[in-house]
């Protein structure tokens, strides 16, 4: 069993509350990449050992890249189970970004081994799951397992965008990770959209549909 470390964040006992109701393997679920102009949307599901919180864990948005990377390795090595999944740019365009994010979440939960018997979902929308699930607004700042999932999803997506930067140079994917920065819009004006851009997210003049 991993050593229990002091909590830097006062997480709520979300997982313990589910265990008190008879659930044995609750997981936390979060996504990364709903807002960018390019790239897939990622999600992760994590089952943490009971009572264990990785030192320094927090909502991934509040952590430095170096801290996220360190936690990424710790979480993967110590979790009871984890799964990182995605929905593609094509799926985002076919079913919209919300449904694609929920699809990625469902894939992450269904990929857990051992399987979760309940899920804590960040936000106010729930994916279609065969197990009970509870949504929590700002759950990545409230529940440890959701925070852990946010780290896995964020780091996995950021690394994928770095790889796309090498495949499609000039857009700056490694820097802005696909988000709509001034530099990104300048690159779009100069180069046009790449195959990994989301057409529905782009201005019409850059190849978008709106």
Protein backbone atom coordinates (compact mmCIF):
# COMPACT_ATOMS: atom_id res chain seq x y z
CA UNK A 1 0.00 0.00 0.00
CA UNK A 2 1.39 3.45 -0.89
CA UNK A 3 2.33 5.70 1.99
CA UNK A 4 -0.38 8.20 2.88
CA UNK A 5 0.96 11.72 2.55
CA UNK A 6 -0.34 15.00 3.96
CA UNK A 7 -3.00 16.64 1.85
CA UNK A 8 -2.13 19.97 0.28
CA UNK A 9 -5.78 20.28 -0.77
CA UNK A 10 -8.72 19.65 1.54
CA UNK A 11 -10.49 17.17 -0.70
CA UNK A 12 -14.00 16.14 0.23
CA UNK A 13 -14.52 12.48 1.26
CA UNK A 14 -16.34 11.69 -1.99
CA UNK A 15 -14.88 8.22 -2.44
CA UNK A 16 -15.32 7.33 1.25
CA UNK A 17 -18.97 8.35 1.07
CA UNK A 18 -19.54 5.94 -1.79
CA UNK A 19 -17.68 3.17 0.03
CA UNK A 20 -19.90 3.76 3.07
CA UNK A 21 -22.86 3.04 0.79
CA UNK A 22 -21.36 -0.31 -0.20
CA UNK A 23 -19.40 0.56 -3.33
CA UNK A 24 -15.95 -1.02 -3.34
CA UNK A 25 -14.19 0.54 -6.34
CA UNK A 26 -15.36 4.09 -7.04
CA UNK A 27 -13.48 5.92 -9.78
CA UNK A 28 -12.96 9.58 -10.56
CA UNK A 29 -13.42 10.79 -14.14
CA UNK A 30 -12.36 13.99 -15.89
CA UNK A 31 -11.63 15.25 -19.39
CA UNK A 32 -9.12 17.57 -21.04
CA UNK A 33 -9.34 19.48 -24.28
CA UNK A 34 -12.91 20.65 -24.76
CA UNK A 35 -11.90 24.19 -25.67
CA UNK A 36 -8.96 23.95 -28.11
CA UNK A 37 -9.19 24.59 -31.84
CA UNK A 38 -7.27 21.42 -32.64
CA UNK A 39 -6.64 17.90 -31.40
CA UNK A 40 -8.64 15.11 -29.83
CA UNK A 41 -10.48 15.41 -26.53
CA UNK A 42 -9.07 13.18 -23.79
CA UNK A 43 -10.52 11.66 -20.63
CA UNK A 44 -9.20 9.56 -17.78
CA UNK A 45 -10.72 7.39 -15.09
CA UNK A 46 -8.82 6.54 -11.90
CA UNK A 47 -9.44 4.29 -8.91
CA UNK A 48 -7.19 5.36 -6.03
CA UNK A 49 -6.27 3.15 -3.06
CA UNK A 50 -8.63 3.90 -0.15
CA UNK A 51 -7.44 6.89 1.86
CA UNK A 52 -4.44 7.60 -0.36
CA UNK A 53 -3.83 11.01 -1.90
CA UNK A 54 -0.65 11.67 -3.90
CA UNK A 55 1.42 14.43 -2.32
CA UNK A 56 0.75 17.75 -4.02
CA UNK A 57 -2.32 16.56 -5.91
CA UNK A 58 -4.62 19.32 -7.12
CA UNK A 59 -6.81 20.27 -10.06
CA UNK A 60 -4.44 19.87 -13.02
CA UNK A 61 -5.07 23.46 -14.12
CA UNK A 62 -3.51 24.68 -10.86
CA UNK A 63 -0.30 22.65 -11.25
CA UNK A 64 2.88 23.42 -13.16
CA UNK A 65 3.73 21.19 -16.14
CA UNK A 66 6.62 19.67 -14.17
CA UNK A 67 4.38 18.87 -11.20
CA UNK A 68 1.73 17.37 -13.46
CA UNK A 69 4.35 15.17 -15.12
CA UNK A 70 5.62 13.93 -11.76
CA UNK A 71 2.09 13.19 -10.53
CA UNK A 72 1.29 11.46 -13.83
CA UNK A 73 3.92 8.83 -13.07
CA UNK A 74 3.00 8.49 -9.39
CA UNK A 75 -0.70 8.07 -10.10
CA UNK A 76 -0.16 5.48 -12.82
CA UNK A 77 2.21 3.46 -10.63
CA UNK A 78 0.06 3.49 -7.48
CA UNK A 79 -3.54 3.56 -8.68
CA UNK A 80 -5.70 0.49 -8.25
CA UNK A 81 -6.65 1.05 -11.88
CA UNK A 82 -6.54 3.82 -14.47
CA UNK A 83 -7.47 4.26 -18.09
CA UNK A 84 -6.86 7.14 -20.50
CA UNK A 85 -9.13 7.38 -23.54
CA UNK A 86 -10.05 9.88 -26.24
CA UNK A 87 -12.57 10.91 -28.83
CA UNK A 88 -11.15 11.98 -32.16
CA UNK A 89 -11.45 15.23 -34.07
CA UNK A 90 -13.75 13.40 -36.50
CA UNK A 91 -16.01 12.32 -33.64
CA UNK A 92 -16.03 15.85 -32.24
CA UNK A 93 -17.24 17.12 -35.60
CA UNK A 94 -19.85 14.38 -35.94
CA UNK A 95 -21.47 14.50 -32.52
CA UNK A 96 -20.28 17.88 -31.03
CA UNK A 97 -17.66 18.50 -28.37
CA UNK A 98 -19.86 17.82 -25.35
CA UNK A 99 -20.96 14.42 -26.62
CA UNK A 100 -17.40 13.61 -27.69
CA UNK A 101 -16.09 14.46 -24.21
CA UNK A 102 -18.75 12.24 -22.65
CA UNK A 103 -17.83 9.47 -25.09
CA UNK A 104 -14.17 9.72 -24.08
CA UNK A 105 -15.23 9.56 -20.41
CA UNK A 106 -17.30 6.44 -21.07
CA UNK A 107 -14.39 4.79 -22.85
CA UNK A 108 -12.09 5.60 -19.94
CA UNK A 109 -14.45 4.10 -17.36
CA UNK A 110 -15.11 1.02 -19.48
CA UNK A 111 -11.36 0.50 -19.90
CA UNK A 112 -10.66 0.15 -16.18
CA UNK A 113 -9.37 -3.19 -14.92
CA UNK A 114 -10.51 -3.99 -12.31
CA UNK A 115 -13.79 -2.38 -13.24
CA UNK A 116 -15.24 0.47 -11.19
CA UNK A 117 -18.61 -0.04 -9.51
CA UNK A 118 -19.41 3.69 -9.22
CA UNK A 119 -18.13 6.87 -10.86
CA UNK A 120 -17.55 10.44 -9.74
CA UNK A 121 -17.79 12.69 -12.80
CA UNK A 122 -16.38 16.20 -13.03
CA UNK A 123 -18.96 18.74 -14.17
CA UNK A 124 -22.74 18.56 -14.47
CA UNK A 125 -23.10 16.15 -17.41
CA UNK A 126 -22.82 12.40 -17.08
CA UNK A 127 -21.74 9.87 -19.69
CA UNK A 128 -23.86 6.83 -20.40
CA UNK A 129 -22.49 4.25 -17.97
CA UNK A 130 -23.64 0.88 -16.73
CA UNK A 131 -22.68 1.82 -13.17
CA UNK A 132 -24.07 4.50 -10.83
CA UNK A 133 -22.46 7.88 -11.30
CA UNK A 134 -22.49 11.19 -9.48
CA UNK A 135 -21.64 14.52 -11.12
CA UNK A 136 -19.72 17.16 -9.18
CA UNK A 137 -19.25 20.71 -10.42
CA UNK A 138 -15.58 21.64 -9.95
CA UNK A 139 -15.00 18.06 -8.94
CA UNK A 140 -11.34 18.24 -9.90
CA UNK A 141 -10.84 20.61 -6.94
CA UNK A 142 -13.11 18.63 -4.59
CA UNK A 143 -12.38 14.93 -5.04
CA UNK A 144 -8.98 13.28 -5.10
CA UNK A 145 -9.80 10.64 -7.70
CA UNK A 146 -11.26 13.26 -10.06
CA UNK A 147 -8.17 15.44 -9.55
CA UNK A 148 -6.00 12.43 -10.36
CA UNK A 149 -8.02 11.81 -13.51
CA UNK A 150 -7.63 15.45 -14.50
CA UNK A 151 -3.84 15.11 -14.26
CA UNK A 152 -3.74 11.96 -16.40
CA UNK A 153 -6.02 13.39 -19.07
CA UNK A 154 -4.19 16.74 -19.21
CA UNK A 155 -0.69 15.28 -19.41
CA UNK A 156 -1.69 12.67 -21.99
CA UNK A 157 -3.33 15.28 -24.19
CA UNK A 158 -0.46 17.76 -23.86
CA UNK A 159 2.01 15.06 -24.89
CA UNK A 160 -0.16 14.19 -27.88
CA UNK A 161 -0.14 17.84 -28.95
CA UNK A 162 3.65 17.97 -28.68
CA UNK A 163 3.76 14.98 -31.03
CA UNK A 164 1.38 16.75 -33.43
CA UNK A 165 3.68 19.78 -33.38
CA UNK A 166 6.37 17.64 -35.00
CA UNK A 167 3.88 16.26 -37.52
CA UNK A 168 2.36 19.65 -38.39
CA UNK A 169 5.09 22.24 -37.78
CA UNK A 170 4.36 25.93 -37.81
CA UNK A 171 1.19 26.01 -35.73
CA UNK A 172 2.89 25.99 -32.33
CA UNK A 173 0.96 23.04 -30.94
CA UNK A 174 3.76 22.26 -28.47
CA UNK A 175 3.36 25.72 -26.93
CA UNK A 176 -0.37 26.39 -26.86
CA UNK A 177 -1.62 22.79 -27.06
CA UNK A 178 -4.21 23.75 -29.66
CA UNK A 179 -5.88 26.56 -27.73
CA UNK A 180 -6.89 29.75 -29.51
CA UNK A 181 -3.96 32.02 -28.74
CA UNK A 182 -3.00 35.00 -30.88
CA UNK A 183 -0.03 33.06 -32.22
CA UNK A 184 -2.27 30.15 -33.14
CA UNK A 185 -4.70 32.37 -35.05
CA UNK A 186 -1.77 34.01 -36.83
CA UNK A 187 -0.50 30.59 -37.88
CA UNK A 188 -3.96 29.63 -39.12
CA UNK A 189 -4.14 32.80 -41.21
CA UNK A 190 -0.75 32.01 -42.69
CA UNK A 191 -0.99 28.24 -43.16
CA UNK A 192 -4.70 27.43 -43.19
CA UNK A 193 -6.22 24.64 -41.15
CA UNK A 194 -4.43 21.34 -40.65
CA UNK A 195 -6.08 17.90 -40.67
CA UNK A 196 -6.12 17.95 -36.85
CA UNK A 197 -7.99 21.23 -36.53
CA UNK A 198 -11.67 21.15 -35.57
CA UNK A 199 -13.53 22.89 -38.43
CA UNK A 200 -16.54 23.76 -36.28
CA UNK A 201 -14.25 25.65 -33.87
CA UNK A 202 -12.59 27.82 -36.54
CA UNK A 203 -13.64 31.15 -38.02
CA UNK A 204 -15.09 30.68 -41.51
CA UNK A 205 -12.11 32.41 -43.13
CA UNK A 206 -9.79 29.79 -41.58
CA UNK A 207 -11.75 26.83 -42.87
CA UNK A 208 -14.41 26.69 -40.20
CA UNK A 209 -18.15 26.44 -40.63
CA UNK A 210 -19.15 29.45 -38.55
